[in-house]
Structure formats: C-alpha cells, structure tokens
C-alpha cells in the first residue's frame, strides 16, 4: 500500500495505519468507506480512493496539509 511506503520513508512526518473495514463497521461507516484501498488523511482532511500513482497520493497529502 502506498501510504505505508510513504510512512516508512518519512516516519517522523507520516503515520499509516491499516483497518479491516469488514471488522470495524462503526469506523467504516463513520468514514463512509466505499472501496479498497481508501486512504483517509488527517481525519478526512484529504482522501484517496483506489490505487493511485505516487504523484497523486503526494498531491493529496500536500493539499490536506494546507
């Protein structure tokens, strides 16, 4: 998963956690998980659904931090 790769390369700046959507219904419903992977950034300040190129993931991370 790309979020984990980015977190491993930048451990002081990025934390990635994986949640099994089928096991955590309440959390999945809260974030309205619609696909896998579904990357939620900073409590929904940003979001990426599906497998995307690294450039797109980094752009969404930067946008979420603004």
N, C-alpha and C. Protein backbone atom coordinates (compact mmCIF):
# COMPACT_ATOMS: atom_id res chain seq x y z
N UNK A 1 0.85 -1.17 0.00
CA UNK A 1 0.00 0.00 0.00
C UNK A 1 0.89 1.24 0.00
N UNK A 2 0.55 2.18 -0.81
CA UNK A 2 1.37 3.38 -1.00
C UNK A 2 1.49 4.21 0.28
N UNK A 3 0.44 4.29 1.06
CA UNK A 3 0.50 5.07 2.31
C UNK A 3 1.57 4.50 3.25
N UNK A 4 1.67 3.17 3.32
CA UNK A 4 2.70 2.55 4.16
C UNK A 4 4.09 2.85 3.64
N UNK A 5 4.27 2.82 2.34
CA UNK A 5 5.57 3.11 1.74
C UNK A 5 5.99 4.54 2.08
N UNK A 6 5.08 5.48 1.95
CA UNK A 6 5.38 6.88 2.26
C UNK A 6 5.70 7.02 3.75
N UNK A 7 4.97 6.33 4.61
CA UNK A 7 5.22 6.39 6.05
C UNK A 7 6.58 5.80 6.40
N UNK A 8 6.96 4.71 5.74
CA UNK A 8 8.27 4.11 6.01
C UNK A 8 9.41 5.02 5.57
N UNK A 9 9.20 5.77 4.51
CA UNK A 9 10.23 6.68 4.02
C UNK A 9 10.29 7.98 4.82
N UNK A 10 9.20 8.31 5.52
CA UNK A 10 9.11 9.56 6.28
C UNK A 10 8.49 9.31 7.65
N UNK A 11 9.12 8.48 8.50
CA UNK A 11 8.49 8.09 9.76
C UNK A 11 8.23 9.23 10.74
N UNK A 12 8.95 10.30 10.64
CA UNK A 12 8.71 11.45 11.55
C UNK A 12 7.55 12.31 11.10
N UNK A 13 7.15 12.18 9.83
CA UNK A 13 6.11 13.04 9.29
C UNK A 13 4.81 12.31 8.96
N UNK A 14 4.88 11.01 8.72
CA UNK A 14 3.70 10.28 8.25
C UNK A 14 3.50 9.02 9.08
N UNK A 15 2.28 8.81 9.53
CA UNK A 15 1.88 7.59 10.23
C UNK A 15 0.78 6.94 9.40
N UNK A 16 0.93 5.68 9.08
CA UNK A 16 -0.09 4.96 8.32
C UNK A 16 -0.58 3.79 9.16
N UNK A 17 -1.89 3.62 9.19
CA UNK A 17 -2.50 2.50 9.90
C UNK A 17 -3.50 1.84 8.96
N UNK A 18 -3.52 0.53 8.97
CA UNK A 18 -4.48 -0.21 8.16
C UNK A 18 -5.61 -0.73 9.03
N UNK A 19 -6.82 -0.57 8.57
CA UNK A 19 -8.00 -1.02 9.30
C UNK A 19 -8.78 -1.96 8.37
N UNK A 20 -9.17 -3.10 8.89
CA UNK A 20 -10.00 -4.04 8.15
C UNK A 20 -11.45 -3.55 8.20
N UNK A 21 -11.93 -3.05 7.06
CA UNK A 21 -13.25 -2.42 7.01
C UNK A 21 -14.37 -3.35 7.44
N UNK A 22 -14.27 -4.64 7.13
CA UNK A 22 -15.32 -5.58 7.49
C UNK A 22 -15.36 -5.86 9.00
N UNK A 23 -14.24 -5.70 9.68
CA UNK A 23 -14.18 -5.96 11.12
C UNK A 23 -14.55 -4.75 11.96
N UNK A 24 -14.40 -3.56 11.41
CA UNK A 24 -14.66 -2.33 12.15
C UNK A 24 -15.78 -1.54 11.47
N UNK A 25 -17.00 -2.06 11.58
CA UNK A 25 -18.16 -1.46 10.91
C UNK A 25 -18.37 0.00 11.29
N UNK A 26 -18.26 0.30 12.58
CA UNK A 26 -18.52 1.67 13.02
C UNK A 26 -17.54 2.66 12.39
N UNK A 27 -16.28 2.29 12.37
CA UNK A 27 -15.26 3.14 11.77
C UNK A 27 -15.46 3.25 10.25
N UNK A 28 -15.78 2.14 9.62
CA UNK A 28 -16.04 2.14 8.18
C UNK A 28 -17.22 3.03 7.83
N UNK A 29 -18.27 2.94 8.62
CA UNK A 29 -19.45 3.77 8.39
C UNK A 29 -19.15 5.24 8.63
N UNK A 30 -18.39 5.52 9.68
CA UNK A 30 -18.03 6.91 10.00
C UNK A 30 -17.33 7.59 8.82
N UNK A 31 -16.38 6.88 8.21
CA UNK A 31 -15.63 7.45 7.08
C UNK A 31 -16.23 7.09 5.73
N UNK A 32 -17.39 6.44 5.73
CA UNK A 32 -18.09 6.05 4.51
C UNK A 32 -17.15 5.36 3.51
N UNK A 33 -16.50 4.31 3.96
CA UNK A 33 -15.57 3.57 3.12
C UNK A 33 -16.34 2.98 1.95
N UNK A 34 -15.85 3.26 0.75
CA UNK A 34 -16.55 2.82 -0.45
C UNK A 34 -15.73 1.89 -1.32
N UNK A 35 -14.46 1.80 -1.08
CA UNK A 35 -13.59 0.96 -1.89
C UNK A 35 -12.32 0.65 -1.14
N UNK A 36 -11.55 -0.22 -1.71
CA UNK A 36 -10.29 -0.61 -1.08
C UNK A 36 -9.19 -0.50 -2.12
N UNK A 37 -8.09 0.15 -1.85
CA UNK A 37 -7.83 0.90 -0.62
C UNK A 37 -8.58 2.24 -0.60
N UNK A 38 -8.86 2.70 0.58
CA UNK A 38 -9.49 4.01 0.80
C UNK A 38 -8.63 4.69 1.85
N UNK A 39 -7.84 5.65 1.43
CA UNK A 39 -6.89 6.32 2.31
C UNK A 39 -7.49 7.61 2.84
N UNK A 40 -7.69 7.67 4.15
CA UNK A 40 -8.23 8.85 4.81
C UNK A 40 -7.04 9.59 5.41
N UNK A 41 -6.93 10.88 5.11
CA UNK A 41 -5.79 11.69 5.55
C UNK A 41 -6.25 12.69 6.61
N UNK A 42 -5.61 12.65 7.77
CA UNK A 42 -5.90 13.59 8.86
C UNK A 42 -7.39 13.74 9.13
N UNK A 43 -8.03 12.65 9.51
CA UNK A 43 -9.45 12.65 9.89
C UNK A 43 -10.32 13.28 8.81
N UNK A 44 -10.08 12.93 7.58
CA UNK A 44 -10.86 13.33 6.40
C UNK A 44 -10.53 14.71 5.86
N UNK A 45 -9.36 15.25 6.19
CA UNK A 45 -8.92 16.50 5.55
C UNK A 45 -8.57 16.22 4.09
N UNK A 46 -8.27 14.98 3.79
CA UNK A 46 -8.00 14.55 2.43
C UNK A 46 -8.35 13.09 2.30
N UNK A 47 -8.46 12.64 1.07
CA UNK A 47 -8.86 11.24 0.86
C UNK A 47 -8.47 10.80 -0.54
N UNK A 48 -8.04 9.54 -0.63
CA UNK A 48 -7.72 8.93 -1.91
C UNK A 48 -8.38 7.55 -1.93
N UNK A 49 -9.24 7.33 -2.91
CA UNK A 49 -9.92 6.03 -3.04
C UNK A 49 -9.32 5.29 -4.22
N UNK A 50 -8.93 4.06 -3.96
CA UNK A 50 -8.36 3.22 -5.01
C UNK A 50 -6.85 3.32 -5.06
N UNK A 51 -6.27 2.49 -5.89
CA UNK A 51 -4.82 2.51 -6.09
C UNK A 51 -4.50 3.65 -7.04
N UNK A 52 -3.64 4.54 -6.60
CA UNK A 52 -3.30 5.72 -7.40
C UNK A 52 -1.78 5.82 -7.53
N UNK A 53 -1.31 6.55 -8.53
CA UNK A 53 0.14 6.78 -8.65
C UNK A 53 0.66 7.59 -7.47
N UNK A 54 1.93 7.41 -7.18
CA UNK A 54 2.55 8.12 -6.06
C UNK A 54 2.37 9.63 -6.18
N UNK A 55 2.49 10.16 -7.36
CA UNK A 55 2.35 11.61 -7.57
C UNK A 55 0.97 12.10 -7.10
N UNK A 56 -0.08 11.34 -7.39
CA UNK A 56 -1.42 11.73 -6.98
C UNK A 56 -1.58 11.65 -5.46
N UNK A 57 -1.02 10.61 -4.85
CA UNK A 57 -1.10 10.48 -3.39
C UNK A 57 -0.37 11.64 -2.71
N UNK A 58 0.82 11.98 -3.19
CA UNK A 58 1.58 13.09 -2.61
C UNK A 58 0.86 14.41 -2.79
N UNK A 59 0.22 14.61 -3.93
CA UNK A 59 -0.53 15.84 -4.17
C UNK A 59 -1.69 15.96 -3.17
N UNK A 60 -2.38 14.86 -2.90
CA UNK A 60 -3.49 14.89 -1.95
C UNK A 60 -2.98 15.11 -0.52
N UNK A 61 -1.84 14.51 -0.18
CA UNK A 61 -1.24 14.76 1.13
C UNK A 61 -0.91 16.23 1.31
N UNK A 62 -0.30 16.82 0.30
CA UNK A 62 0.06 18.25 0.37
C UNK A 62 -1.19 19.13 0.47
N UNK A 63 -2.21 18.80 -0.32
CA UNK A 63 -3.46 19.57 -0.28
C UNK A 63 -4.10 19.49 1.11
N UNK A 64 -4.07 18.32 1.70
CA UNK A 64 -4.68 18.12 3.03
C UNK A 64 -3.95 18.89 4.12
N UNK A 65 -2.67 19.13 3.90
CA UNK A 65 -1.87 19.84 4.91
C UNK A 65 -1.98 21.36 4.81
N UNK A 66 -2.57 21.85 3.75
CA UNK A 66 -2.68 23.32 3.57
C UNK A 66 -3.68 23.93 4.51
